[in-house]
Amino acid sequence: MTSTQWGWAILQLLLVVSFSYTEQLVCQQRGDLENPQLSKDGDIILGGIFYFHSSWKDRKDTYRHKPLALECISLNFRGFQYAQTMIFAIEEINNSTDLLPGISLGYKLYDNCDAITRSVRVTLALANGNEVVSAPTEAPCTRPAQVQAIMGGTSSSPCMAIATVIGPFHLPLVGHLFFLAISHYSSCACLSDKTKYPSFLRTISSDDYQSRALAQLVKHFRWIWVGAIRSNNDYGNSGMATFTETARQLGICLEYSVSFFRTDPPDKIKKIIGIIKASTSKVIVAFVSSMDTGVLIQELSYHNLTGYQWVGKIDSQTAEMDTHHILDGAIGLSIPKAHVNDMREFILDVKPLISSSNELFTELWETLFNCKFRQSNSSAENRRACTGHEDLTGVKNSFTDMSLMPKLINVYKGVYAVAHALHSILGCNETCNNKVQLDPLTILQHTREIHFKTKEGDEVYFDENGDPPAKYEIINWQPTENGIVDFVTVGLYDAYLPADKQLSLQPESVIWAENSQQVPVSVCSEKCPPGTRKVLQKGKPVCCYDCIRCAEGEISNITDSITCEQCHPESWSNERRDACVKKEAEFLSYEEIMGVLLTATALFGTCMTTVVAAIFFRYRTTPIVRANNSELSFLLLFSLTLCFLCSLTFIGRPSEWSCMLRHTAFGITFVLCISCVLGKTIVVLMAFRATLPDSNVMKWFGPAQQRLSVVAFTLIQVVICILWLTISPPFPFKNFTQFKDKIILECALGSAVGFWAVLGYIGLLAILCFILAFLARKLPDNFNEAKLITFSMLIFCAVWMTFIPAYVSSPGKFSVAVEIFAILASSFGLLICIFIPKCYVILLKPEKNTKKNMMGK
């Protein structure tokens, strides 16, 4: 509505209010009379407001002179259909003996041209009447209302104006009236507000239900990125507001939402076309009134904007305008089909109309048959003359089109609702009590409480908001081969069913835009597959996002996940990042090549030690064996065997007993081994010290003392190991941090102090042995064992010195392999350096295995 129209409406209301306060007790007519276009007397009068014309002549008022009356133009056949329906219902009730017997209903029908200002004027005329008052009277305004109810209001904005005037508005000379208004077409959700419109009822469902139904329909087809166009009036703005809120709750985003009115300048419509062209959404939700739709379709056709999936309220009136098939494939809601016997024939029976002298019927006849009466004031010059005997047979226009029958029946239901309320108030049985003073407020209350069925079986009642039950047919706009649009019912919507059962569809019956059989896709971003998560695009709605792959160790197993879930520590994400798979447990096993090689090496060392022991035992009486303390030699060979075997405890799945055994066995056996070597080194030193005059050193380090030293050195390591195992023993441990996709099964040290104490004690004995052997390296014998011990200790120390950094830096099972390698290398070093040269002499150089050769000089 233009600012001029609003100004005119507000001015009129202000004038009415101002006079109501200055002359509250004076009843007189103000302004020009407003005579009804159609009327009939009766005991009870019902009012009707329809748009017999759909537009008006534009004018520029200066407000310096009295504005001229609004001149309506563009005859609208639909308004006549609504009026004929109301007359049909009234005539049917008057001829009935069951409803209001003995009471005749009359009517006063006005043309509002679908304009708010005109609606206000005719509403006031219906409320106050048009009695001609020759002079002002001082009589108080106590006369009853002129009409008991008003039917009509073909669009929401005029109907709001009507409801405001007849609702809680202090009308001059009349008082505080509650006129009942029943609309058959005004679906704006705002009219359900009973604080603003207490006397408004309607027989068409509220747009609140329509908006929610459309949102559910859009969600059903997974259209989450849509455009929206609405009429810039109460119907469009209110309906779109509800749709937007419901869509937001359902996860639907609007790329754009634009409004227009049919009287807007062309530039604004072109701007909307530009927005549609630039958009990426393929679905457009429309809340556009029928008359605004014509303007929009015309502009869309000019720019050939086809291929869009339209969703909205569908009726045949829109189909008549879409000659370029812009809306083909549209899907939306429609009032359920209905039928009333004889009503179609009554509406199309135009013969009685011409017998009246009513100018409106004359205009209807001329427009309907494209002719002109001689006495008519019509400006058409080239039309043929009307005879008055024209026939509707073969005439096809909106007057003969009965596709809006469900909406016409809403008028029929409204009249019957008032009739049933009057029937109850007047206490009608066989007759009615004519003496009952009718009160508009009483009529309103009774009408709200009615609940009846029409003769066709349709239930009529109102909820607490004055709305009927919300039911819609879901209609698909399907073009046929001959170019005629076929409206196919593809589903139903019932707002009073449980939420999951409100919408029922047959999608296989739908033909989509561009005659496609596939459901259109309208999304801002494609769905994020499992293994990814949604990240919103900056500055865009929530439906626009990027799909980011889940990080390692995280998964998403649903489509369009907003987060990635962390896998359990014992699991890891697969390559697709859509499932957690159990991590591979890694440890040094006997089945893998490295484990097999180390096991074979350990067993080889054990066998080699056993062979050496067998050789020594076989030649135990020879000088070379006896000269080097054969008892310590056999004990050393035994300890070396244990060293080789203890390395096997490091291979295999760690367990509680294996973790405690591997480190303690290693520590004790190596100390036993080093103790024996240390004993042999001391024996060598003592032996040469004993050759000096007056030396009795050997009696202080004889066989008993040698055994005792070995036991003492070993016992210290045993005590360290016992303390370690008692206070904080090693235990099996799952290492999740070293590798992301593997679990390292290892033995935690428990007490790091205990572990390094064991190693430190071994190192201390090795260094002491190395120093003593180094001091004895130049002793004068042909077979100086001190040199061999020195070299073996050098190898031992070198191995364990390199072990520490290698052990710390080696990952997973390789740290275990490094420890095994150190054990085997140091064991082989002792075995080879100390015993192999002797075996060489025993087996290959027996001539040197003599006492004489051993004593030398």
Foldseek 3Di string as FASTA:
>chain_A
DDPVLVVLQVVVVVVQVVCCVVQQQKDADDDDADAFLDKDDWLAEEEEEFAQAQAWDDDDDPVPDDDDDTGGDHGDLVRLLLVLLLVVLQVVQQPDLFFAHPTHYMYGYHHQSLGQNSLLVVLVCQFPPRDHDPDMDSHQLDDDGNHLAYEEDQEAQSVLSSLQNQPQDQGGSHGGANHAYEYLHYQQQVLLPCVRRVRYFYAAHHLLVQLLVLLVVCVVLPFQEEEEEEEPGRQGVRSVVSNQVNNVVSNHDHPYYYYYHQPDDPVRLVVVVVVVVPDQFQEYEYHYDLVSLLSNLVVCVVVVPARGAYEYEDFVSSVVSNLVPRHALHKYWYQDDDDDPPSLVSLQPLLVVVVDPRLSSQVVVCVQVVAHDPPDPDPDDPHHHDPSPDHCVPRDDPNNDCRCVSSSVRSSLVSVLLSVLQCVQQVDDSHGNSPDDDGSVSSSVSSQQDWDADPVGDIDHADPSNGTFDKIFIWTFHADPVRRTDTDGFWMAGPPDPPVPRTDGNLQPGQHTPRDSDSDHTAQDDKAAWQWEWDADPPDDPRHTDTHGDDKQWTGQHIHHHDTHGHDLQWIADPSRNDTHGFAEDAAACPDPLNVVLLVLLVVQLVVLVVLLVLCVVPVVFCVCVVQPVVLVNQLSVLLNLLSVLLNLRHDFDAFVSQLSSLLSNLLSLQLNLLSLLLSLVCLVQVVVCVDPPDPSCVVNDPVNSVVSSCVSSVVSVVLSVVQCVPFAWGWDWDSPLDPRHTFTDIDRRDPVSSVVSVVSSVVSLVVSLVSLVVQVPPDWPDRLSVLSNQLSVQLNVLVVVLVVQLVPDDGNVSSSSVSCSSSRSSVSNCCSRRVVVVCCVPPVVVCRHPCNGHPD
